């Protein structure tokens, strides 16, 4: 079990490094998908199957496809990207080093304060326990969030709906007068 954890950790770290070092944005997105899948593997190892499936569906399935379509739509390439100055590179290295020091300090403090054995409940992360929690003690926030999502979807449809311009001719619906002809599109010139 521990070897599987280390395998997923190695895949996560390697793919995350490839995300930031890849020259092609499409390769970067594919590496990010691999990173998300390995993180979902960590969730399965922690017996949080529901969280793993939600992670795969939401991040890998939806958001990464959206990123891929945006990248393809904008046709991003590194040839048109301006070169980074030396000051920008130094600032990036310094901020990355500070972030690494902060993470190492947090891990050290966390290792000192976490007890050696933590109690484990076998129902953690299972779909049944998540459903029971959602529909019992968190029913009101669950329903409020569903109404919020519904209103966001309706708002997106209203914003995306295109209004028909009023200067276009109306569609032909049929003759009401005997012998009437359908309206013609545009102007036509008659021979003189």
N, C-alpha and C. Protein backbone atom coordinates (compact mmCIF):
# COMPACT_ATOMS: atom_id res chain seq x y z
N UNK A 1 0.82 -1.20 0.00
CA UNK A 1 0.00 0.00 0.00
C UNK A 1 0.87 1.26 0.00
N UNK A 2 1.96 1.18 0.74
CA UNK A 2 2.84 2.35 0.82
C UNK A 2 3.55 2.57 -0.52
N UNK A 3 3.85 1.48 -1.23
CA UNK A 3 4.50 1.62 -2.54
C UNK A 3 3.57 2.29 -3.55
N UNK A 4 2.28 1.97 -3.45
CA UNK A 4 1.31 2.60 -4.35
C UNK A 4 1.23 4.10 -4.07
N UNK A 5 1.28 4.46 -2.77
CA UNK A 5 1.29 5.88 -2.41
C UNK A 5 2.50 6.58 -3.02
N UNK A 6 3.67 5.98 -2.89
CA UNK A 6 4.87 6.59 -3.44
C UNK A 6 4.82 6.66 -4.97
N UNK A 7 4.21 5.66 -5.59
CA UNK A 7 4.06 5.70 -7.05
C UNK A 7 3.17 6.86 -7.47
N UNK A 8 2.02 7.02 -6.79
CA UNK A 8 1.13 8.15 -7.10
C UNK A 8 1.81 9.48 -6.81
N UNK A 9 2.58 9.55 -5.71
CA UNK A 9 3.29 10.79 -5.38
C UNK A 9 4.33 11.13 -6.44
N UNK A 10 5.05 10.11 -6.91
CA UNK A 10 6.05 10.34 -7.96
C UNK A 10 5.39 10.81 -9.25
N UNK A 11 4.27 10.18 -9.61
CA UNK A 11 3.55 10.60 -10.82
C UNK A 11 3.03 12.03 -10.67
N UNK A 12 2.50 12.36 -9.49
CA UNK A 12 1.98 13.71 -9.25
C UNK A 12 3.07 14.76 -9.39
N UNK A 13 4.20 14.51 -8.75
CA UNK A 13 5.29 15.49 -8.77
C UNK A 13 5.88 15.62 -10.17
N UNK A 14 6.10 14.48 -10.84
CA UNK A 14 6.69 14.53 -12.18
C UNK A 14 5.76 15.24 -13.17
N UNK A 15 4.47 14.92 -13.10
CA UNK A 15 3.55 15.57 -14.05
C UNK A 15 3.36 17.05 -13.72
N UNK A 16 3.40 17.41 -12.43
CA UNK A 16 3.29 18.83 -12.07
C UNK A 16 4.52 19.61 -12.56
N UNK A 17 5.69 19.00 -12.45
CA UNK A 17 6.89 19.66 -12.98
C UNK A 17 6.83 19.79 -14.50
N UNK A 18 6.25 18.78 -15.16
CA UNK A 18 6.12 18.85 -16.61
C UNK A 18 5.11 19.92 -17.02
N UNK A 19 4.10 20.16 -16.17
CA UNK A 19 3.10 21.20 -16.47
C UNK A 19 3.77 22.56 -16.58
N UNK A 20 4.65 22.87 -15.64
CA UNK A 20 5.26 24.20 -15.64
C UNK A 20 6.47 24.30 -16.56
N UNK A 21 7.02 23.16 -17.00
CA UNK A 21 8.21 23.23 -17.84
C UNK A 21 7.93 22.93 -19.31
N UNK A 22 6.74 22.49 -19.64
CA UNK A 22 6.44 22.13 -21.04
C UNK A 22 6.36 23.38 -21.90
N UNK A 23 6.86 23.28 -23.11
CA UNK A 23 6.82 24.41 -24.04
C UNK A 23 5.46 24.53 -24.70
N UNK A 24 4.83 23.42 -24.98
CA UNK A 24 3.53 23.43 -25.65
C UNK A 24 2.41 23.47 -24.61
N UNK A 25 1.45 24.38 -24.74
CA UNK A 25 0.35 24.42 -23.78
C UNK A 25 -0.52 23.17 -23.81
N UNK A 26 -0.62 22.52 -24.95
CA UNK A 26 -1.42 21.29 -25.03
C UNK A 26 -0.75 20.18 -24.22
N UNK A 27 0.57 20.05 -24.33
CA UNK A 27 1.29 19.06 -23.52
C UNK A 27 1.17 19.39 -22.04
N UNK A 28 1.17 20.66 -21.72
CA UNK A 28 1.01 21.07 -20.33
C UNK A 28 -0.35 20.67 -19.78
N UNK A 29 -1.39 20.83 -20.57
CA UNK A 29 -2.74 20.44 -20.14
C UNK A 29 -2.84 18.93 -19.96
N UNK A 30 -2.23 18.17 -20.86
CA UNK A 30 -2.27 16.71 -20.73
C UNK A 30 -1.53 16.27 -19.47
N UNK A 31 -0.40 16.91 -19.17
CA UNK A 31 0.32 16.58 -17.94
C UNK A 31 -0.50 16.96 -16.71
N UNK A 32 -1.26 18.04 -16.78
CA UNK A 32 -2.12 18.42 -15.66
C UNK A 32 -3.24 17.42 -15.45
N UNK A 33 -3.76 16.86 -16.53
CA UNK A 33 -4.77 15.80 -16.42
C UNK A 33 -4.18 14.58 -15.72
N UNK A 34 -2.95 14.21 -16.07
CA UNK A 34 -2.29 13.08 -15.41
C UNK A 34 -2.07 13.38 -13.94
N UNK A 35 -1.70 14.61 -13.63
CA UNK A 35 -1.52 15.01 -12.23
C UNK A 35 -2.83 14.89 -11.45
N UNK A 36 -3.93 15.36 -12.04
CA UNK A 36 -5.23 15.26 -11.37
C UNK A 36 -5.65 13.81 -11.17
N UNK A 37 -5.37 12.95 -12.14
CA UNK A 37 -5.72 11.54 -11.99
C UNK A 37 -4.91 10.88 -10.88
N UNK A 38 -3.64 11.25 -10.75
CA UNK A 38 -2.85 10.67 -9.67
C UNK A 38 -3.29 11.20 -8.31
N UNK A 39 -3.75 12.43 -8.25
CA UNK A 39 -4.30 12.95 -6.99
C UNK A 39 -5.59 12.21 -6.64
N UNK A 40 -6.39 11.88 -7.65
CA UNK A 40 -7.59 11.07 -7.40
C UNK A 40 -7.19 9.69 -6.88
N UNK A 41 -6.07 9.16 -7.34
CA UNK A 41 -5.57 7.90 -6.79
C UNK A 41 -5.22 8.03 -5.32
N UNK A 42 -4.68 9.17 -4.91
CA UNK A 42 -4.42 9.41 -3.49
C UNK A 42 -5.72 9.39 -2.69
N UNK A 43 -6.78 9.99 -3.24
CA UNK A 43 -8.07 9.97 -2.55
C UNK A 43 -8.59 8.56 -2.38
N UNK A 44 -8.40 7.71 -3.38
CA UNK A 44 -8.84 6.32 -3.26
C UNK A 44 -8.04 5.62 -2.17
N UNK A 45 -6.75 5.89 -2.09
CA UNK A 45 -5.94 5.28 -1.03
C UNK A 45 -6.37 5.74 0.36
N UNK A 46 -6.92 6.94 0.45
CA UNK A 46 -7.41 7.45 1.73
C UNK A 46 -8.85 7.01 2.02
N UNK A 47 -9.38 6.11 1.19
CA UNK A 47 -10.73 5.57 1.32
C UNK A 47 -11.79 6.66 1.13
N UNK A 48 -11.51 7.62 0.26
CA UNK A 48 -12.46 8.67 -0.07
C UNK A 48 -12.84 8.52 -1.54
N UNK A 49 -13.58 7.45 -1.82
CA UNK A 49 -13.91 7.13 -3.21
C UNK A 49 -14.81 8.19 -3.83
N UNK A 50 -15.74 8.71 -3.05
CA UNK A 50 -16.64 9.74 -3.57
C UNK A 50 -15.86 10.98 -3.99
N UNK A 51 -14.94 11.40 -3.14
CA UNK A 51 -14.13 12.57 -3.46
C UNK A 51 -13.25 12.32 -4.69
N UNK A 52 -12.76 11.09 -4.83
CA UNK A 52 -11.95 10.76 -6.01
C UNK A 52 -12.77 10.86 -7.28
N UNK A 53 -13.99 10.33 -7.25
CA UNK A 53 -14.84 10.39 -8.45
C UNK A 53 -15.24 11.83 -8.79
N UNK A 54 -15.58 12.61 -7.77
CA UNK A 54 -15.93 14.02 -8.01
C UNK A 54 -14.72 14.77 -8.57
N UNK A 55 -13.55 14.46 -8.05
CA UNK A 55 -12.32 15.10 -8.53
C UNK A 55 -12.08 14.77 -10.00
N UNK A 56 -12.26 13.52 -10.37
CA UNK A 56 -12.05 13.11 -11.76
C UNK A 56 -13.09 13.76 -12.66
N UNK A 57 -14.36 13.76 -12.23
CA UNK A 57 -15.42 14.30 -13.08
C UNK A 57 -15.28 15.80 -13.24
N UNK A 58 -15.08 16.51 -12.12
CA UNK A 58 -15.08 17.97 -12.17
C UNK A 58 -13.78 18.50 -12.77
N UNK A 59 -12.65 18.11 -12.21
CA UNK A 59 -11.39 18.71 -12.67
C UNK A 59 -10.92 18.10 -13.98
N UNK A 60 -10.77 16.78 -14.00
CA UNK A 60 -10.22 16.15 -15.19
C UNK A 60 -11.21 16.20 -16.34
N UNK A 61 -12.46 15.95 -16.05
CA UNK A 61 -13.45 15.88 -17.11
C UNK A 61 -13.88 17.22 -17.64
N UNK A 62 -14.18 18.16 -16.76
CA UNK A 62 -14.79 19.41 -17.20
C UNK A 62 -13.78 20.54 -17.36
N UNK A 63 -13.03 20.82 -16.33
CA UNK A 63 -12.17 22.00 -16.35
C UNK A 63 -11.00 21.81 -17.32
N UNK A 64 -10.42 20.61 -17.37
CA UNK A 64 -9.30 20.41 -18.28
C UNK A 64 -9.76 20.43 -19.74
N UNK A 65 -10.95 19.92 -20.01
CA UNK A 65 -11.47 20.02 -21.38
C UNK A 65 -11.70 21.49 -21.73
N UNK A 66 -12.20 22.27 -20.77
CA UNK A 66 -12.38 23.70 -21.00
C UNK A 66 -11.04 24.38 -21.28
N UNK A 67 -10.01 24.07 -20.48
CA UNK A 67 -8.68 24.63 -20.71
C UNK A 67 -8.17 24.26 -22.10
N UNK A 68 -8.35 23.00 -22.48
CA UNK A 68 -7.87 22.56 -23.78
C UNK A 68 -8.56 23.29 -24.92
N UNK A 69 -9.88 23.49 -24.80
CA UNK A 69 -10.61 24.21 -25.84
C UNK A 69 -10.18 25.68 -25.89
N UNK A 70 -9.94 26.29 -24.75
CA UNK A 70 -9.50 27.70 -24.73
C UNK A 70 -8.12 27.82 -25.37
N UNK A 71 -7.24 26.90 -25.05
CA UNK A 71 -5.90 26.94 -25.64
C UNK A 71 -5.98 26.76 -27.15
N UNK A 72 -6.80 25.82 -27.59
CA UNK A 72 -6.93 25.60 -29.03
C UNK A 72 -7.62 26.79 -29.71
N UNK A 73 -8.56 27.42 -29.01
CA UNK A 73 -9.27 28.55 -29.58
C UNK A 73 -8.35 29.75 -29.75
N UNK A 74 -7.53 30.02 -28.75
CA UNK A 74 -6.64 31.18 -28.83
C UNK A 74 -5.38 30.90 -29.63
N UNK A 75 -5.10 29.62 -29.91
CA UNK A 75 -3.93 29.23 -30.68
C UNK A 75 -2.66 29.82 -30.07
N UNK A 76 -2.46 29.52 -28.80
CA UNK A 76 -1.31 30.05 -28.08
C UNK A 76 -0.04 29.36 -28.56
N UNK A 77 0.98 30.14 -28.81
CA UNK A 77 2.28 29.56 -29.12
C UNK A 77 3.34 30.42 -28.46
N UNK A 78 4.49 29.80 -28.22
CA UNK A 78 5.54 30.51 -27.49
C UNK A 78 6.34 31.45 -28.39
N UNK A 79 6.19 31.36 -29.70
CA UNK A 79 6.97 32.23 -30.59
C UNK A 79 6.56 33.68 -30.44
N UNK A 80 5.27 33.93 -30.19
CA UNK A 80 4.81 35.31 -30.06
C UNK A 80 4.90 35.82 -28.63
N UNK A 81 5.32 34.97 -27.71
CA UNK A 81 5.40 35.36 -26.30
C UNK A 81 6.67 36.18 -26.07
N UNK A 82 6.56 37.31 -25.36
CA UNK A 82 7.76 38.12 -25.13
C UNK A 82 8.73 37.41 -24.18
N UNK A 83 10.01 37.68 -24.36
CA UNK A 83 11.03 37.08 -23.51
C UNK A 83 10.99 37.68 -22.12
N UNK A 84 11.24 36.86 -21.13
CA UNK A 84 11.25 37.32 -19.75
C UNK A 84 12.59 37.99 -19.46
N UNK A 85 12.53 39.08 -18.70
CA UNK A 85 13.76 39.78 -18.35
C UNK A 85 14.46 39.04 -17.21
N UNK A 86 15.70 39.41 -16.97
CA UNK A 86 16.47 38.77 -15.91
C UNK A 86 15.85 39.05 -14.54
N UNK A 87 15.34 40.25 -14.35
CA UNK A 87 14.70 40.59 -13.07
C UNK A 87 13.47 39.75 -12.80
N UNK A 88 12.69 39.46 -13.85
CA UNK A 88 11.51 38.62 -13.69
C UNK A 88 11.90 37.20 -13.32
N UNK A 89 12.95 36.69 -13.94
CA UNK A 89 13.41 35.33 -13.63
C UNK A 89 13.92 35.25 -12.20
N UNK A 90 14.68 36.25 -11.76
CA UNK A 90 15.20 36.24 -10.39
C UNK A 90 14.05 36.33 -9.39
N UNK A 91 13.06 37.17 -9.67
CA UNK A 91 11.90 37.28 -8.78
C UNK A 91 11.14 35.96 -8.70
N UNK A 92 11.04 35.25 -9.82
CA UNK A 92 10.36 33.95 -9.82
C UNK A 92 11.11 32.93 -8.98
N UNK A 93 12.44 32.91 -9.09
CA UNK A 93 13.23 31.96 -8.31
C UNK A 93 13.15 32.29 -6.82
N UNK A 94 13.22 33.57 -6.48
CA UNK A 94 13.15 33.97 -5.07
C UNK A 94 11.78 33.64 -4.48
N UNK A 95 10.71 33.95 -5.20
CA UNK A 95 9.37 33.66 -4.67
C UNK A 95 9.14 32.15 -4.58
N UNK A 96 9.65 31.38 -5.53
CA UNK A 96 9.54 29.92 -5.45
C UNK A 96 10.31 29.37 -4.26
N UNK A 97 11.49 29.91 -3.99
CA UNK A 97 12.27 29.49 -2.82
C UNK A 97 11.57 29.82 -1.52
N UNK A 98 10.97 31.02 -1.44
CA UNK A 98 10.22 31.38 -0.24
C UNK A 98 9.01 30.47 -0.04
N UNK A 99 8.34 30.12 -1.12
CA UNK A 99 7.21 29.20 -1.02
C UNK A 99 7.67 27.83 -0.54
N UNK A 100 8.80 27.35 -1.04
CA UNK A 100 9.34 26.06 -0.60
C UNK A 100 9.69 26.09 0.88
N UNK A 101 10.32 27.17 1.34
CA UNK A 101 10.65 27.28 2.77
C UNK A 101 9.40 27.30 3.64
N UNK A 102 8.36 27.99 3.18
CA UNK A 102 7.10 28.04 3.93
C UNK A 102 6.47 26.66 4.00
N UNK A 103 6.48 25.93 2.90
CA UNK A 103 5.91 24.58 2.90
C UNK A 103 6.70 23.64 3.80
N UNK A 104 8.02 23.73 3.77
CA UNK A 104 8.84 22.87 4.64
C UNK A 104 8.60 23.20 6.11
N UNK A 105 8.46 24.48 6.44
CA UNK A 105 8.17 24.85 7.83
C UNK A 105 6.81 24.34 8.26
N UNK A 106 5.82 24.42 7.37
CA UNK A 106 4.49 23.92 7.71
C UNK A 106 4.50 22.41 7.91
N UNK A 107 5.24 21.69 7.10
CA UNK A 107 5.33 20.23 7.26
C UNK A 107 6.03 19.89 8.57
N UNK A 108 7.09 20.61 8.91
CA UNK A 108 7.81 20.34 10.16
C UNK A 108 6.93 20.58 11.38
N UNK A 109 6.20 21.70 11.38
CA UNK A 109 5.31 22.00 12.50
C UNK A 109 4.17 20.99 12.55
N UNK A 110 3.66 20.60 11.39
CA UNK A 110 2.58 19.62 11.35
C UNK A 110 3.02 18.26 11.86
N UNK A 111 4.25 17.84 11.57
CA UNK A 111 4.74 16.55 12.05
C UNK A 111 4.90 16.54 13.56
N UNK A 112 5.20 17.69 14.14
CA UNK A 112 5.36 17.75 15.59
C UNK A 112 4.03 17.75 16.32
N UNK A 113 2.99 18.30 15.70
CA UNK A 113 1.71 18.44 16.40
C UNK A 113 0.73 17.31 16.13
N UNK A 114 0.90 16.56 15.05
CA UNK A 114 -0.04 15.47 14.74
C UNK A 114 0.32 14.26 15.60
N UNK A 115 -0.66 13.68 16.27
CA UNK A 115 -0.37 12.47 17.06
C UNK A 115 0.00 11.30 16.14
N UNK A 116 0.69 10.32 16.73
CA UNK A 116 1.17 9.19 15.93
C UNK A 116 0.01 8.38 15.34
N UNK A 117 -1.01 8.11 16.11
CA UNK A 117 -2.16 7.34 15.63
C UNK A 117 -3.41 8.19 15.72
N UNK A 118 -4.09 8.34 14.63
CA UNK A 118 -5.34 9.08 14.59
C UNK A 118 -6.45 8.07 14.43
N UNK A 119 -7.55 8.28 15.17
CA UNK A 119 -8.67 7.36 15.07
C UNK A 119 -9.26 7.37 13.67
N UNK A 120 -9.66 6.19 13.20
CA UNK A 120 -10.17 6.07 11.83
C UNK A 120 -11.56 5.47 11.87
N UNK A 121 -12.47 6.15 11.20
CA UNK A 121 -13.83 5.65 11.05
C UNK A 121 -13.95 5.08 9.65
N UNK A 122 -14.41 3.86 9.51
CA UNK A 122 -14.47 3.18 8.22
C UNK A 122 -15.43 3.80 7.23
N UNK A 123 -16.34 4.66 7.70
CA UNK A 123 -17.34 5.22 6.79
C UNK A 123 -16.91 6.55 6.18
N UNK A 124 -15.71 6.98 6.45
CA UNK A 124 -15.24 8.27 5.94
C UNK A 124 -15.08 8.20 4.43
N UNK A 125 -15.68 9.13 3.72
CA UNK A 125 -15.51 9.23 2.28
C UNK A 125 -16.42 8.35 1.46
N UNK A 126 -17.22 7.51 2.08
CA UNK A 126 -18.12 6.67 1.31
C UNK A 126 -19.33 7.47 0.85
N UNK A 127 -19.93 7.04 -0.24
CA UNK A 127 -21.04 7.78 -0.83
C UNK A 127 -22.22 7.82 0.14
N UNK A 128 -22.47 6.73 0.84
CA UNK A 128 -23.60 6.69 1.78
C UNK A 128 -23.42 7.72 2.89
N UNK A 129 -22.23 7.80 3.47
CA UNK A 129 -22.02 8.76 4.56
C UNK A 129 -22.09 10.20 4.06
N UNK A 130 -21.61 10.45 2.84
CA UNK A 130 -21.71 11.80 2.28
C UNK A 130 -23.17 12.15 2.04
N UNK A 131 -23.94 11.21 1.49
CA UNK A 131 -25.37 11.45 1.26
C UNK A 131 -26.14 11.67 2.54
N UNK A 132 -25.84 10.89 3.57
CA UNK A 132 -26.53 11.06 4.86
C UNK A 132 -26.21 12.43 5.46
N UNK A 133 -24.96 12.86 5.35
CA UNK A 133 -24.60 14.18 5.88
C UNK A 133 -25.26 15.29 5.08
N UNK A 134 -25.31 15.15 3.75
CA UNK A 134 -25.92 16.19 2.92
C UNK A 134 -27.41 16.33 3.17
N UNK A 135 -28.12 15.22 3.33
CA UNK A 135 -29.57 15.29 3.44
C UNK A 135 -30.08 15.30 4.87
N UNK A 136 -29.20 15.28 5.85
CA UNK A 136 -29.64 15.39 7.24
C UNK A 136 -29.20 16.71 7.86
N UNK A 137 -27.92 16.81 8.19
CA UNK A 137 -27.48 18.01 8.91
C UNK A 137 -27.15 19.18 7.99
N UNK A 138 -26.88 18.94 6.71
CA UNK A 138 -26.55 20.02 5.79
C UNK A 138 -27.60 20.18 4.70
N UNK A 139 -28.86 19.91 5.02
CA UNK A 139 -29.92 19.98 4.02
C UNK A 139 -30.15 21.41 3.53
N UNK A 140 -30.22 22.37 4.45
CA UNK A 140 -30.48 23.76 4.06
C UNK A 140 -29.36 24.33 3.18
N UNK A 141 -28.08 24.20 3.56
CA UNK A 141 -27.03 24.71 2.66
C UNK A 141 -27.01 23.99 1.31
N UNK A 142 -27.35 22.70 1.31
CA UNK A 142 -27.39 21.94 0.06
C UNK A 142 -28.47 22.48 -0.87
N UNK A 143 -29.65 22.75 -0.32
CA UNK A 143 -30.75 23.28 -1.14
C UNK A 143 -30.47 24.71 -1.59
N UNK A 144 -29.88 25.52 -0.71
CA UNK A 144 -29.54 26.90 -1.10
C UNK A 144 -28.51 26.90 -2.23
N UNK A 145 -27.52 26.02 -2.14
CA UNK A 145 -26.52 25.96 -3.21
C UNK A 145 -27.14 25.45 -4.51
N UNK A 146 -28.12 24.54 -4.43
CA UNK A 146 -28.76 24.07 -5.66
C UNK A 146 -29.56 25.19 -6.32
N UNK A 147 -30.24 26.03 -5.51
CA UNK A 147 -30.96 27.17 -6.08
C UNK A 147 -29.97 28.18 -6.66
N UNK A 148 -28.84 28.36 -6.01
CA UNK A 148 -27.81 29.27 -6.52
C UNK A 148 -27.27 28.78 -7.86
N UNK A 149 -26.99 27.49 -7.97
CA UNK A 149 -26.51 26.94 -9.24
C UNK A 149 -27.57 27.05 -10.33
N UNK A 150 -28.83 26.82 -9.97
CA UNK A 150 -29.91 26.95 -10.95
C UNK A 150 -30.02 28.38 -11.46
N UNK A 151 -29.94 29.36 -10.54
CA UNK A 151 -30.02 30.76 -10.98
C UNK A 151 -28.80 31.15 -11.81
N UNK A 152 -27.63 30.59 -11.50
CA UNK A 152 -26.44 30.87 -12.31
C UNK A 152 -26.59 30.30 -13.72
N UNK A 153 -27.17 29.11 -13.84
CA UNK A 153 -27.39 28.53 -15.18
C UNK A 153 -28.40 29.35 -15.97
N UNK A 154 -29.47 29.79 -15.31
CA UNK A 154 -30.46 30.61 -16.01
C UNK A 154 -29.85 31.94 -16.43
N UNK A 155 -29.06 32.54 -15.54
CA UNK A 155 -28.39 33.80 -15.88
C UNK A 155 -27.42 33.64 -17.04
N UNK A 156 -26.70 32.52 -17.08
CA UNK A 156 -25.78 32.29 -18.20
C UNK A 156 -26.54 32.13 -19.51
N UNK A 157 -27.69 31.46 -19.46
CA UNK A 157 -28.48 31.31 -20.69
C UNK A 157 -29.06 32.65 -21.14
N UNK A 158 -29.49 33.48 -20.19
CA UNK A 158 -30.03 34.79 -20.56
C UNK A 158 -28.94 35.67 -21.16
N UNK A 159 -27.75 35.62 -20.58
CA UNK A 159 -26.65 36.43 -21.12
C UNK A 159 -26.18 35.92 -22.47
N UNK A 160 -26.23 34.61 -22.67
CA UNK A 160 -25.75 34.04 -23.93
C UNK A 160 -26.77 34.14 -25.05
N UNK A 161 -28.04 34.36 -24.69
CA UNK A 161 -29.09 34.43 -25.71
C UNK A 161 -28.87 35.67 -26.56
N UNK A 162 -28.91 35.48 -27.85
CA UNK A 162 -28.72 36.61 -28.76
C UNK A 162 -30.08 37.15 -29.15
N UNK A 163 -30.25 38.45 -29.01
CA UNK A 163 -31.49 39.08 -29.43
C UNK A 163 -31.50 39.20 -30.95
N UNK A 164 -32.64 38.91 -31.53
CA UNK A 164 -32.77 39.03 -32.98
C UNK A 164 -32.85 40.50 -33.35
N UNK A 165 -32.02 40.95 -34.29
CA UNK A 165 -32.10 42.35 -34.70
C UNK A 165 -33.45 42.65 -35.34
N UNK A 166 -33.95 43.86 -35.09
CA UNK A 166 -35.28 44.21 -35.59
C UNK A 166 -35.27 44.60 -37.06
N UNK A 167 -34.09 44.82 -37.65
CA UNK A 167 -34.05 45.26 -39.05
C UNK A 167 -34.09 44.09 -40.04
N UNK A 168 -34.09 42.86 -39.56
CA UNK A 168 -34.17 41.72 -40.46
C UNK A 168 -35.62 41.50 -40.88
N UNK A 169 -35.84 41.03 -42.11
CA UNK A 169 -37.22 40.78 -42.54
C UNK A 169 -37.82 39.61 -41.77
N UNK A 170 -39.11 39.67 -41.56
CA UNK A 170 -39.80 38.59 -40.86
C UNK A 170 -39.89 37.37 -41.75
N UNK A 171 -39.89 36.18 -41.18
CA UNK A 171 -40.00 34.98 -42.01
C UNK A 171 -41.38 34.90 -42.66
N UNK A 172 -41.42 34.31 -43.84
CA UNK A 172 -42.67 34.16 -44.59
C UNK A 172 -43.51 33.07 -43.93
N UNK A 173 -44.74 33.41 -43.56
CA UNK A 173 -45.61 32.46 -42.86
C UNK A 173 -46.72 31.93 -43.72
N UNK A 174 -46.86 32.40 -44.92
CA UNK A 174 -47.91 31.88 -45.81
C UNK A 174 -48.72 33.01 -46.40
N UNK A 175 -49.43 32.71 -47.46
CA UNK A 175 -50.24 33.72 -48.14
C UNK A 175 -51.55 33.92 -47.41
N UNK A 176 -51.87 35.16 -47.16
CA UNK A 176 -53.19 35.46 -46.59
C UNK A 176 -54.10 36.03 -47.66
N UNK A 177 -53.51 36.57 -48.72
CA UNK A 177 -54.28 37.12 -49.83
C UNK A 177 -54.01 36.25 -51.04
N UNK A 178 -55.06 35.94 -51.77
CA UNK A 178 -54.90 35.07 -52.93
C UNK A 178 -54.01 35.75 -53.96
N UNK A 179 -52.97 35.04 -54.38
CA UNK A 179 -52.07 35.58 -55.40
C UNK A 179 -50.92 36.38 -54.83
N UNK A 180 -50.82 36.53 -53.51
CA UNK A 180 -49.72 37.31 -52.93
C UNK A 180 -48.44 36.50 -53.02
N UNK A 181 -47.34 37.19 -53.22
CA UNK A 181 -46.04 36.55 -53.35
C UNK A 181 -45.27 36.69 -52.03
N UNK A 182 -44.38 35.73 -51.72
CA UNK A 182 -43.57 35.87 -50.50
C UNK A 182 -42.61 37.04 -50.64
N UNK A 183 -42.25 37.67 -49.53
CA UNK A 183 -41.31 38.80 -49.60
C UNK A 183 -39.95 38.31 -50.08
N UNK A 184 -39.27 39.16 -50.82
CA UNK A 184 -37.94 38.81 -51.33
C UNK A 184 -36.89 39.33 -50.38
N UNK A 185 -35.78 38.63 -50.33
CA UNK A 185 -34.68 39.04 -49.47
C UNK A 185 -33.83 40.04 -50.21
N UNK A 186 -33.57 41.19 -49.63
CA UNK A 186 -32.71 42.19 -50.24
C UNK A 186 -33.44 42.95 -51.33
N UNK A 187 -32.69 43.75 -52.04
CA UNK A 187 -33.27 44.54 -53.13
C UNK A 187 -32.90 43.90 -54.45
N UNK A 188 -33.80 43.96 -55.38
CA UNK A 188 -33.51 43.41 -56.71
C UNK A 188 -33.64 44.53 -57.73
N UNK A 189 -32.79 44.52 -58.72
CA UNK A 189 -32.84 45.53 -59.78
C UNK A 189 -33.63 44.96 -60.95
N UNK A 190 -34.43 45.78 -61.49
CA UNK A 190 -35.18 45.36 -62.67
C UNK A 190 -34.46 45.85 -63.91
N UNK A 191 -34.57 45.10 -64.95
CA UNK A 191 -33.90 45.49 -66.20
C UNK A 191 -34.60 46.69 -66.79
N UNK A 192 -33.84 47.66 -67.23
CA UNK A 192 -34.41 48.88 -67.81
C UNK A 192 -34.38 48.82 -69.30
